[in-house]
Structure formats: structure tokens, C-alpha cells
Amino acid sequence: MAQSLPLLDLDGSPRDQGLQHGKAAKDRIAHNMSLYFRRFTEWAKVPADELRRRADAYRRVIEETNPDYAAAMEGIAAGSGQALLDVVAINVRYEILYSEFA
């Protein structure tokens, strides 16, 4: 039987919601980080420093175009204990992965 995703009841500002999300899903976030960083480095051959450079470029665009989304990612990073650029990289994983295969 498939395990269902947890349902989180979040409130407050986008950053507050991200912080609650990060704390509540800390272990799942760490697992996803490990999984996707392995995919980035092994499948797409994008080293971690290059991945973070690209994530930073996306972060700047997201901050300008969708500040609430950027604030939520900041909260997730703070709540889960992960680096902000790593959280951004996971959120733009398809843009990073598929640009490598294009």
C-alpha cells in the first residue's frame, strides 16, 4: 500500500508557512535533498557548486517576480536546517535537470 503525503495545516505569512513546513517535514526534505543532489551530480553531471550558482540565478528571478514564493523557500530552509540555495535548487529541479538534457 502506498504511503500518503502528510497534510500540513499552515498559517501566517509565506515565510511563517515555509518555516512551519520546514520543521514539520524536516526528515522528508533531507531525504529529497539527498535524492535530487544525487540526480543532479550523477545523471545530469552538474557539480554541487555549479548547481548552487544556477539556483542563485533562479533565486534572484523568483525574488523579483514572486516574493511570497521566495519568502516561503527561505522559511523552508530555516525550518528544515537546509541551505537556501539547496532548497531553491530542489524547487527549480526540472529547469536544471532538463536543461542539461536539451
PDB file of N, CA and C in Angstrom:
ATOM      1  N   MET A   1       0.842  -1.176   0.000  1.00  0.00           N
ATOM      2  CA  MET A   1       0.000   0.000   0.000  1.00  0.00           C
ATOM      3  C   MET A   1       0.889   1.240   0.000  1.00  0.00           C
ATOM      4  N   ALA A   2       0.582   2.195  -0.847  1.00  0.00           N
ATOM      5  CA  ALA A   2       1.372   3.413  -0.962  1.00  0.00           C
ATOM      6  C   ALA A   2       1.165   4.310   0.251  1.00  0.00           C
ATOM      7  N   GLN A   3       2.253   4.915   0.668  1.00  0.00           N
ATOM      8  CA  GLN A   3       2.186   5.839   1.794  1.00  0.00           C
ATOM      9  C   GLN A   3       1.704   7.196   1.281  1.00  0.00           C
ATOM     10  N   SER A   4       0.760   7.798   1.985  1.00  0.00           N
ATOM     11  CA  SER A   4       0.249   9.091   1.549  1.00  0.00           C
ATOM     12  C   SER A   4       1.136  10.211   2.074  1.00  0.00           C
ATOM     13  N   LEU A   5       1.055  11.337   1.407  1.00  0.00           N
ATOM     14  CA  LEU A   5       1.799  12.508   1.842  1.00  0.00           C
ATOM     15  C   LEU A   5       1.111  13.124   3.052  1.00  0.00           C
ATOM     16  N   PRO A   6       1.887  13.701   3.946  1.00  0.00           N
ATOM     17  CA  PRO A   6       1.263  14.327   5.115  1.00  0.00           C
ATOM     18  C   PRO A   6       0.538  15.609   4.713  1.00  0.00           C
ATOM     19  N   LEU A   7      -0.507  15.900   5.409  1.00  0.00           N
ATOM     20  CA  LEU A   7      -1.263  17.130   5.209  1.00  0.00           C
ATOM     21  C   LEU A   7      -0.854  18.086   6.316  1.00  0.00           C
ATOM     22  N   LEU A   8      -0.362  19.252   5.937  1.00  0.00           N
ATOM     23  CA  LEU A   8       0.081  20.237   6.907  1.00  0.00           C
ATOM     24  C   LEU A   8      -0.909  21.396   6.939  1.00  0.00           C
ATOM     25  N   ASP A   9      -1.264  21.830   8.119  1.00  0.00           N
ATOM     26  CA  ASP A   9      -2.135  22.983   8.296  1.00  0.00           C
ATOM     27  C   ASP A   9      -1.237  24.162   8.640  1.00  0.00           C
ATOM     28  N   LEU A  10      -1.009  25.051   7.683  1.00  0.00           N
ATOM     29  CA  LEU A  10      -0.066  26.152   7.837  1.00  0.00           C
ATOM     30  C   LEU A  10      -0.809  27.473   7.923  1.00  0.00           C
ATOM     31  N   ASP A  11      -0.250  28.410   8.671  1.00  0.00           N
ATOM     32  CA  ASP A  11      -0.864  29.737   8.710  1.00  0.00           C
ATOM     33  C   ASP A  11       0.227  30.788   8.853  1.00  0.00           C
ATOM     34  N   GLY A  12      -0.186  32.049   8.712  1.00  0.00           N
ATOM     35  CA  GLY A  12       0.754  33.155   8.827  1.00  0.00           C
ATOM     36  C   GLY A  12       1.255  33.610   7.471  1.00  0.00           C
ATOM     37  N   SER A  13       2.327  34.359   7.499  1.00  0.00           N
ATOM     38  CA  SER A  13       2.941  34.888   6.278  1.00  0.00           C
ATOM     39  C   SER A  13       3.546  33.744   5.468  1.00  0.00           C
ATOM     40  N   PRO A  14       3.890  33.998   4.204  1.00  0.00           N
ATOM     41  CA  PRO A  14       4.549  32.940   3.420  1.00  0.00           C
ATOM     42  C   PRO A  14       5.824  32.410   4.095  1.00  0.00           C
ATOM     43  N   ARG A  15       6.603  33.298   4.712  1.00  0.00           N
ATOM     44  CA  ARG A  15       7.809  32.825   5.396  1.00  0.00           C
ATOM     45  C   ARG A  15       7.444  31.973   6.606  1.00  0.00           C
ATOM     46  N   ASP A  16       6.438  32.412   7.357  1.00  0.00           N
ATOM     47  CA  ASP A  16       5.985  31.621   8.507  1.00  0.00           C
ATOM     48  C   ASP A  16       5.484  30.249   8.075  1.00  0.00           C
ATOM     49  N   GLN A  17       4.745  30.208   6.974  1.00  0.00           N
ATOM     50  CA  GLN A  17       4.248  28.927   6.467  1.00  0.00           C
ATOM     51  C   GLN A  17       5.407  28.042   6.042  1.00  0.00           C
ATOM     52  N   GLY A  18       6.402  28.635   5.383  1.00  0.00           N
ATOM     53  CA  GLY A  18       7.584  27.870   4.997  1.00  0.00           C
ATOM     54  C   GLY A  18       8.333  27.330   6.207  1.00  0.00           C
ATOM     55  N   LEU A  19       8.445  28.152   7.239  1.00  0.00           N
ATOM     56  CA  LEU A  19       9.117  27.730   8.466  1.00  0.00           C
ATOM     57  C   LEU A  19       8.394  26.539   9.097  1.00  0.00           C
ATOM     58  N   GLN A  20       7.060  26.615   9.162  1.00  0.00           N
ATOM     59  CA  GLN A  20       6.274  25.504   9.703  1.00  0.00           C
ATOM     60  C   GLN A  20       6.446  24.254   8.845  1.00  0.00           C
ATOM     61  N   HIS A  21       6.406  24.435   7.525  1.00  0.00           N
ATOM     62  CA  HIS A  21       6.587  23.323   6.586  1.00  0.00           C
ATOM     63  C   HIS A  21       7.961  22.687   6.797  1.00  0.00           C
ATOM     64  N   GLY A  22       9.009  23.521   6.860  1.00  0.00           N
ATOM     65  CA  GLY A  22      10.359  23.006   7.027  1.00  0.00           C
ATOM     66  C   GLY A  22      10.535  22.209   8.309  1.00  0.00           C
ATOM     67  N   LYS A  23       9.965  22.709   9.396  1.00  0.00           N
ATOM     68  CA  LYS A  23      10.069  21.999  10.676  1.00  0.00           C
ATOM     69  C   LYS A  23       9.294  20.683  10.644  1.00  0.00           C
ATOM     70  N   ALA A  24       8.078  20.723  10.092  1.00  0.00           N
ATOM     71  CA  ALA A  24       7.215  19.529  10.095  1.00  0.00           C
ATOM     72  C   ALA A  24       7.720  18.437   9.155  1.00  0.00           C
ATOM     73  N   ALA A  25       8.397  18.827   8.089  1.00  0.00           N
ATOM     74  CA  ALA A  25       8.822  17.850   7.080  1.00  0.00           C
ATOM     75  C   ALA A  25      10.341  17.758   6.991  1.00  0.00           C
ATOM     76  N   LYS A  26      11.013  18.085   8.063  1.00  0.00           N
ATOM     77  CA  LYS A  26      12.475  18.135   8.074  1.00  0.00           C
ATOM     78  C   LYS A  26      13.123  16.861   7.526  1.00  0.00           C
ATOM     79  N   ASP A  27      12.681  15.700   7.978  1.00  0.00           N
ATOM     80  CA  ASP A  27      13.267  14.436   7.522  1.00  0.00           C
ATOM     81  C   ASP A  27      12.974  14.174   6.049  1.00  0.00           C
ATOM     82  N   ARG A  28      11.769  14.465   5.624  1.00  0.00           N
ATOM     83  CA  ARG A  28      11.404  14.256   4.215  1.00  0.00           C
ATOM     84  C   ARG A  28      12.180  15.208   3.302  1.00  0.00           C
ATOM     85  N   ILE A  29      12.365  16.421   3.763  1.00  0.00           N
ATOM     86  CA  ILE A  29      13.128  17.400   2.982  1.00  0.00           C
ATOM     87  C   ILE A  29      14.577  16.940   2.857  1.00  0.00           C
ATOM     88  N   ALA A  30      15.171  16.489   3.947  1.00  0.00           N
ATOM     89  CA  ALA A  30      16.550  15.989   3.905  1.00  0.00           C
ATOM     90  C   ALA A  30      16.672  14.814   2.937  1.00  0.00           C
ATOM     91  N   HIS A  31      15.677  13.920   2.948  1.00  0.00           N
ATOM     92  CA  HIS A  31      15.686  12.778   2.030  1.00  0.00           C
ATOM     93  C   HIS A  31      15.622  13.261   0.577  1.00  0.00           C
ATOM     94  N   ASN A  32      14.726  14.211   0.294  1.00  0.00           N
ATOM     95  CA  ASN A  32      14.611  14.746  -1.070  1.00  0.00           C
ATOM     96  C   ASN A  32      15.897  15.443  -1.502  1.00  0.00           C
ATOM     97  N   MET A  33      16.520  16.159  -0.590  1.00  0.00           N
ATOM     98  CA  MET A  33      17.784  16.826  -0.915  1.00  0.00           C
ATOM     99  C   MET A  33      18.818  15.792  -1.353  1.00  0.00           C
ATOM    100  N   SER A  34      18.951  14.742  -0.582  1.00  0.00           N
ATOM    101  CA  SER A  34      19.910  13.692  -0.904  1.00  0.00           C
ATOM    102  C   SER A  34      19.604  13.063  -2.263  1.00  0.00           C
ATOM    103  N   LEU A  35      18.343  12.735  -2.475  1.00  0.00           N
ATOM    104  CA  LEU A  35      17.910  12.114  -3.730  1.00  0.00           C
ATOM    105  C   LEU A  35      18.200  13.011  -4.933  1.00  0.00           C
ATOM    106  N   TYR A  36      17.772  14.258  -4.869  1.00  0.00           N
ATOM    107  CA  TYR A  36      17.927  15.139  -6.024  1.00  0.00           C
ATOM    108  C   TYR A  36      19.365  15.572  -6.241  1.00  0.00           C
ATOM    109  N   PHE A  37      20.133  15.765  -5.179  1.00  0.00           N
ATOM    110  CA  PHE A  37      21.531  16.125  -5.395  1.00  0.00           C
ATOM    111  C   PHE A  37      22.287  14.976  -6.051  1.00  0.00           C
ATOM    112  N   ARG A  38      21.908  13.752  -5.733  1.00  0.00           N
ATOM    113  CA  ARG A  38      22.498  12.595  -6.419  1.00  0.00           C
ATOM    114  C   ARG A  38      22.109  12.610  -7.902  1.00  0.00           C
ATOM    115  N   ARG A  39      20.848  12.919  -8.192  1.00  0.00           N
ATOM    116  CA  ARG A  39      20.415  13.011  -9.593  1.00  0.00           C
ATOM    117  C   ARG A  39      21.145  14.129 -10.327  1.00  0.00           C
ATOM    118  N   PHE A  40      21.277  15.269  -9.676  1.00  0.00           N
ATOM    119  CA  PHE A  40      21.979  16.384 -10.321  1.00  0.00           C
ATOM    120  C   PHE A  40      23.411  16.000 -10.670  1.00  0.00           C
ATOM    121  N   THR A  41      24.112  15.387  -9.726  1.00  0.00           N
ATOM    122  CA  THR A  41      25.532  15.106  -9.952  1.00  0.00           C
ATOM    123  C   THR A  41      25.770  13.861 -10.797  1.00  0.00           C
ATOM    124  N   GLU A  42      24.958  12.828 -10.615  1.00  0.00           N
ATOM    125  CA  GLU A  42      25.188  11.583 -11.351  1.00  0.00           C
ATOM    126  C   GLU A  42      24.514  11.576 -12.721  1.00  0.00           C
ATOM    127  N   TRP A  43      23.258  11.976 -12.793  1.00  0.00           N
ATOM    128  CA  TRP A  43      22.529  11.911 -14.060  1.00  0.00           C
ATOM    129  C   TRP A  43      22.861  13.088 -14.967  1.00  0.00           C
ATOM    130  N   ALA A  44      22.778  14.302 -14.405  1.00  0.00           N
ATOM    131  CA  ALA A  44      22.961  15.498 -15.225  1.00  0.00           C
ATOM    132  C   ALA A  44      24.411  15.973 -15.243  1.00  0.00           C
ATOM    133  N   LYS A  45      25.237  15.387 -14.379  1.00  0.00           N
ATOM    134  CA  LYS A  45      26.663  15.743 -14.310  1.00  0.00           C
ATOM    135  C   LYS A  45      26.864  17.221 -13.973  1.00  0.00           C
ATOM    136  N   VAL A  46      26.007  17.752 -13.111  1.00  0.00           N
ATOM    137  CA  VAL A  46      26.131  19.131 -12.650  1.00  0.00           C
ATOM    138  C   VAL A  46      26.725  19.099 -11.244  1.00  0.00           C
ATOM    139  N   PRO A  47      27.954  19.572 -11.088  1.00  0.00           N
ATOM    140  CA  PRO A  47      28.564  19.568  -9.758  1.00  0.00           C
ATOM    141  C   PRO A  47      27.818  20.502  -8.802  1.00  0.00           C
ATOM    142  N   ALA A  48      27.945  20.241  -7.513  1.00  0.00           N
ATOM    143  CA  ALA A  48      27.187  20.983  -6.499  1.00  0.00           C
ATOM    144  C   ALA A  48      27.447  22.484  -6.568  1.00  0.00           C
ATOM    145  N   ASP A  49      28.697  22.927  -6.795  1.00  0.00           N
ATOM    146  CA  ASP A  49      28.962  24.367  -6.846  1.00  0.00           C
ATOM    147  C   ASP A  49      28.276  25.018  -8.043  1.00  0.00           C
ATOM    148  N   GLU A  50      28.239  24.338  -9.176  1.00  0.00           N
ATOM    149  CA  GLU A  50      27.541  24.855 -10.359  1.00  0.00           C
ATOM    150  C   GLU A  50      26.035  24.850 -10.126  1.00  0.00           C
ATOM    151  N   LEU A  51      25.546  23.827  -9.482  1.00  0.00           N
ATOM    152  CA  LEU A  51      24.126  23.742  -9.170  1.00  0.00           C
ATOM    153  C   LEU A  51      23.698  24.934  -8.313  1.00  0.00           C
ATOM    154  N   ARG A  52      24.487  25.247  -7.318  1.00  0.00           N
ATOM    155  CA  ARG A  52      24.158  26.378  -6.434  1.00  0.00           C
ATOM    156  C   ARG A  52      24.286  27.708  -7.170  1.00  0.00           C
ATOM    157  N   ARG A  53      25.215  27.827  -8.103  1.00  0.00           N
ATOM    158  CA  ARG A  53      25.328  29.046  -8.902  1.00  0.00           C
ATOM    159  C   ARG A  53      24.060  29.247  -9.722  1.00  0.00           C
ATOM    160  N   ARG A  54      23.579  28.171 -10.341  1.00  0.00           N
ATOM    161  CA  ARG A  54      22.344  28.257 -11.125  1.00  0.00           C
ATOM    162  C   ARG A  54      21.144  28.530 -10.228  1.00  0.00           C
ATOM    163  N   ALA A  55      21.097  27.876  -9.084  1.00  0.00           N
ATOM    164  CA  ALA A  55      19.997  28.095  -8.143  1.00  0.00           C
ATOM    165  C   ALA A  55      19.952  29.561  -7.708  1.00  0.00           C
ATOM    166  N   ASP A  56      21.120  30.174  -7.517  1.00  0.00           N
ATOM    167  CA  ASP A  56      21.162  31.573  -7.109  1.00  0.00           C
ATOM    168  C   ASP A  56      20.588  32.477  -8.199  1.00  0.00           C
ATOM    169  N   ALA A  57      20.848  32.156  -9.450  1.00  0.00           N
ATOM    170  CA  ALA A  57      20.271  32.946 -10.548  1.00  0.00           C
ATOM    171  C   ALA A  57      18.744  32.827 -10.544  1.00  0.00           C
ATOM    172  N   TYR A  58      18.223  31.613 -10.351  1.00  0.00           N
ATOM    173  CA  TYR A  58      16.768  31.433 -10.253  1.00  0.00           C
ATOM    174  C   TYR A  58      16.218  32.131  -9.011  1.00  0.00           C
ATOM    175  N   ARG A  59      16.949  32.069  -7.899  1.00  0.00           N
ATOM    176  CA  ARG A  59      16.501  32.717  -6.663  1.00  0.00           C
ATOM    177  C   ARG A  59      16.261  34.202  -6.884  1.00  0.00           C
ATOM    178  N   ARG A  60      17.190  34.857  -7.577  1.00  0.00           N
ATOM    179  CA  ARG A  60      17.055  36.292  -7.827  1.00  0.00           C
ATOM    180  C   ARG A  60      15.824  36.592  -8.673  1.00  0.00           C
ATOM    181  N   VAL A  61      15.563  35.780  -9.671  1.00  0.00           N
ATOM    182  CA  VAL A  61      14.375  35.970 -10.515  1.00  0.00           C
ATOM    183  C   VAL A  61      13.106  35.746  -9.688  1.00  0.00           C
ATOM    184  N   ILE A  62      13.101  34.698  -8.894  1.00  0.00           N
ATOM    185  CA  ILE A  62      11.929  34.389  -8.070  1.00  0.00           C
ATOM    186  C   ILE A  62      11.671  35.521  -7.072  1.00  0.00           C
ATOM    187  N   GLU A  63      12.731  36.045  -6.449  1.00  0.00           N
ATOM    188  CA  GLU A  63      12.554  37.155  -5.503  1.00  0.00           C
ATOM    189  C   GLU A  63      11.917  38.366  -6.168  1.00  0.00           C
ATOM    190  N   GLU A  64      12.305  38.646  -7.414  1.00  0.00           N
ATOM    191  CA  GLU A  64      11.763  39.795  -8.139  1.00  0.00           C
ATOM    192  C   GLU A  64      10.340  39.571  -8.613  1.00  0.00           C
ATOM    193  N   THR A  65      10.041  38.358  -9.061  1.00  0.00           N
ATOM    194  CA  THR A  65       8.739  38.103  -9.683  1.00  0.00           C
ATOM    195  C   THR A  65       7.700  37.528  -8.739  1.00  0.00           C
ATOM    196  N   ASN A  66       8.143  36.854  -7.670  1.00  0.00           N
ATOM    197  CA  ASN A  66       7.200  36.233  -6.746  1.00  0.00           C
ATOM    198  C   ASN A  66       7.796  36.235  -5.335  1.00  0.00           C
ATOM    199  N   PRO A  67       7.787  37.402  -4.683  1.00  0.00           N
ATOM    200  CA  PRO A  67       8.409  37.497  -3.367  1.00  0.00           C
ATOM    201  C   PRO A  67       7.822  36.547  -2.323  1.00  0.00           C
ATOM    202  N   ASP A  68       6.532  36.228  -2.425  1.00  0.00           N
ATOM    203  CA  ASP A  68       5.935  35.291  -1.468  1.00  0.00           C
ATOM    204  C   ASP A  68       6.542  33.894  -1.615  1.00  0.00           C
ATOM    205  N   TYR A  69       6.757  33.466  -2.838  1.00  0.00           N
ATOM    206  CA  TYR A  69       7.376  32.163  -3.096  1.00  0.00           C
ATOM    207  C   TYR A  69       8.799  32.152  -2.541  1.00  0.00           C
ATOM    208  N   ALA A  70       9.532  33.243  -2.786  1.00  0.00           N
ATOM    209  CA  ALA A  70      10.898  33.346  -2.269  1.00  0.00           C
ATOM    210  C   ALA A  70      10.902  33.290  -0.737  1.00  0.00           C
ATOM    211  N   ALA A  71       9.967  33.993  -0.112  1.00  0.00           N
ATOM    212  CA  ALA A  71       9.884  34.008   1.354  1.00  0.00           C
ATOM    213  C   ALA A  71       9.543  32.624   1.903  1.00  0.00           C
ATOM    214  N   ALA A  72       8.663  31.908   1.212  1.00  0.00           N
ATOM    215  CA  ALA A  72       8.303  30.551   1.645  1.00  0.00           C
ATOM    216  C   ALA A  72       9.520  29.629   1.571  1.00  0.00           C
ATOM    217  N   MET A  73      10.318  29.753   0.510  1.00  0.00           N
ATOM    218  CA  MET A  73      11.525  28.924   0.407  1.00  0.00           C
ATOM    219  C   MET A  73      12.521  29.273   1.506  1.00  0.00           C
ATOM    220  N   GLU A  74      12.635  30.559   1.836  1.00  0.00           N
ATOM    221  CA  GLU A  74      13.510  30.963   2.929  1.00  0.00           C
ATOM    222  C   GLU A  74      13.051  30.317   4.239  1.00  0.00           C
ATOM    223  N   GLY A  75      11.748  30.309   4.465  1.00  0.00           N
ATOM    224  CA  GLY A  75      11.207  29.684   5.667  1.00  0.00           C
ATOM    225  C   GLY A  75      11.458  28.187   5.696  1.00  0.00           C
ATOM    226  N   ILE A  76      11.262  27.532   4.559  1.00  0.00           N
ATOM    227  CA  ILE A  76      11.521  26.088   4.486  1.00  0.00           C
ATOM    228  C   ILE A  76      12.981  25.793   4.814  1.00  0.00           C
ATOM    229  N   ALA A  77      13.881  26.582   4.244  1.00  0.00           N
ATOM    230  CA  ALA A  77      15.307  26.387   4.517  1.00  0.00           C
ATOM    231  C   ALA A  77      15.594  26.556   6.012  1.00  0.00           C
ATOM    232  N   ALA A  78      15.075  27.616   6.602  1.00  0.00           N
ATOM    233  CA  ALA A  78      15.315  27.874   8.022  1.00  0.00           C
ATOM    234  C   ALA A  78      14.704  26.778   8.889  1.00  0.00           C
ATOM    235  N   GLY A  79      13.490  26.371   8.573  1.00  0.00           N
ATOM    236  CA  GLY A  79      12.810  25.365   9.383  1.00  0.00           C
ATOM    237  C   GLY A  79      13.408  23.983   9.277  1.00  0.00           C
ATOM    238  N   SER A  80      13.938  23.659   8.111  1.00  0.00           N
ATOM    239  CA  SER A  80      14.479  22.312   7.892  1.00  0.00           C
ATOM    240  C   SER A  80      15.974  22.217   8.155  1.00  0.00           C
ATOM    241  N   GLY A  81      16.631  23.367   8.318  1.00  0.00           N
ATOM    242  CA  GLY A  81      18.075  23.358   8.540  1.00  0.00           C
ATOM    243  C   GLY A  81      18.879  23.164   7.270  1.00  0.00           C
ATOM    244  N   GLN A  82      18.238  23.356   6.119  1.00  0.00           N
ATOM    245  CA  GLN A  82      18.918  23.209   4.833  1.00  0.00           C
ATOM    246  C   GLN A  82      19.368  24.577   4.320  1.00  0.00           C
ATOM    247  N   ALA A  83      20.357  24.589   3.457  1.00  0.00           N
ATOM    248  CA  ALA A  83      20.827  25.827   2.846  1.00  0.00           C
ATOM    249  C   ALA A  83      19.771  26.352   1.869  1.00  0.00           C
ATOM    250  N   LEU A  84      19.598  27.672   1.865  1.00  0.00           N
ATOM    251  CA  LEU A  84      18.581  28.277   0.996  1.00  0.00           C
ATOM    252  C   LEU A  84      18.794  27.893  -0.463  1.00  0.00           C
ATOM    253  N   LEU A  85      20.016  27.979  -0.964  1.00  0.00           N
ATOM    254  CA  LEU A  85      20.236  27.668  -2.384  1.00  0.00           C
ATOM    255  C   LEU A  85      19.947  26.206  -2.692  1.00  0.00           C
ATOM    256  N   ASP A  86      20.106  25.327  -1.721  1.00  0.00           N
ATOM    257  CA  ASP A  86      19.753  23.921  -1.933  1.00  0.00           C
ATOM    258  C   ASP A  86      18.234  23.769  -2.037  1.00  0.00           C
ATOM    259  N   VAL A  87      17.500  24.499  -1.211  1.00  0.00           N
ATOM    260  CA  VAL A  87      16.035  24.475  -1.297  1.00  0.00           C
ATOM    261  C   VAL A  87      15.581  25.047  -2.638  1.00  0.00           C
ATOM    262  N   VAL A  88      16.201  26.136  -3.061  1.00  0.00           N
ATOM    263  CA  VAL A  88      15.857  26.717  -4.361  1.00  0.00           C
ATOM    264  C   VAL A  88      16.149  25.704  -5.467  1.00  0.00           C
ATOM    265  N   ALA A  89      17.297  25.051  -5.409  1.00  0.00           N
ATOM    266  CA  ALA A  89      17.663  24.067  -6.441  1.00  0.00           C
ATOM    267  C   ALA A  89      16.609  22.977  -6.556  1.00  0.00           C
ATOM    268  N   ILE A  90      16.097  22.507  -5.431  1.00  0.00           N
ATOM    269  CA  ILE A  90      15.062  21.467  -5.469  1.00  0.00           C
ATOM    270  C   ILE A  90      13.785  22.015  -6.087  1.00  0.00           C
ATOM    271  N   ASN A  91      13.476  23.271  -5.813  1.00  0.00           N
ATOM    272  CA  ASN A  91      12.260  23.877  -6.352  1.00  0.00           C
ATOM    273  C   ASN A  91      12.348  24.165  -7.845  1.00  0.00           C
ATOM    274  N   VAL A  92      13.566  24.304  -8.370  1.00  0.00           N
ATOM    275  CA  VAL A  92      13.735  24.524  -9.815  1.00  0.00           C
ATOM    276  C   VAL A  92      14.441  23.325 -10.451  1.00  0.00           C
ATOM    277  N   ARG A  93      14.247  22.163  -9.856  1.00  0.00           N
ATOM    278  CA  ARG A  93      14.954  20.955 -10.297  1.00  0.00           C
ATOM    279  C   ARG A  93      14.690  20.606 -11.756  1.00  0.00           C
ATOM    280  N   TYR A  94      13.465  20.773 -12.209  1.00  0.00           N
ATOM    281  CA  TYR A  94      13.170  20.412 -13.599  1.00  0.00           C
ATOM    282  C   TYR A  94      13.870  21.353 -14.564  1.00  0.00           C
ATOM    283  N   GLU A  95      13.891  22.622 -14.242  1.00  0.00           N
ATOM    284  CA  GLU A  95      14.597  23.581 -15.103  1.00  0.00           C
ATOM    285  C   GLU A  95      16.077  23.238 -15.181  1.00  0.00           C
ATOM    286  N   ILE A  96      16.654  22.839 -14.061  1.00  0.00           N
ATOM    287  CA  ILE A  96      18.080  22.486 -14.039  1.00  0.00           C
ATOM    288  C   ILE A  96      18.322  21.148 -14.719  1.00  0.00           C
ATOM    289  N   LEU A  97      17.555  20.121 -14.366  1.00  0.00           N
ATOM    290  CA  LEU A  97      17.779  18.798 -14.941  1.00  0.00           C
ATOM    291  C   LEU A  97      17.522  18.768 -16.430  1.00  0.00           C
ATOM    292  N   TYR A  98      16.395  19.281 -16.857  1.00  0.00           N
ATOM    293  CA  TYR A  98      16.047  19.154 -18.265  1.00  0.00           C
ATOM    294  C   TYR A  98      16.839  20.067 -19.157  1.00  0.00           C
ATOM    295  N   SER A  99      17.389  21.160 -18.631  1.00  0.00           N
ATOM    296  CA  SER A  99      18.243  22.000 -19.456  1.00  0.00           C
ATOM    297  C   SER A  99      19.538  21.251 -19.783  1.00  0.00           C
ATOM    298  N   GLU A 100      19.933  20.330 -18.933  1.00  0.00           N
ATOM    299  CA  GLU A 100      21.126  19.528 -19.190  1.00  0.00           C
ATOM    300  C   GLU A 100      20.914  18.521 -20.313  1.00  0.00           C
ATOM    301  N   PHE A 101      19.678  18.083 -20.494  1.00  0.00           N
ATOM    302  CA  PHE A 101      19.394  17.065 -21.498  1.00  0.00           C
ATOM    303  C   PHE A 101      18.964  17.681 -22.831  1.00  0.00           C
ATOM    304  N   ALA A 102      18.822  18.995 -22.870  1.00  0.00           N
ATOM    305  CA  ALA A 102      18.350  19.668 -24.102  1.00  0.00           C
ATOM    306  C   ALA A 102      19.481  19.797 -25.112  1.00  0.00           C
TER     307      ALA A 102
END
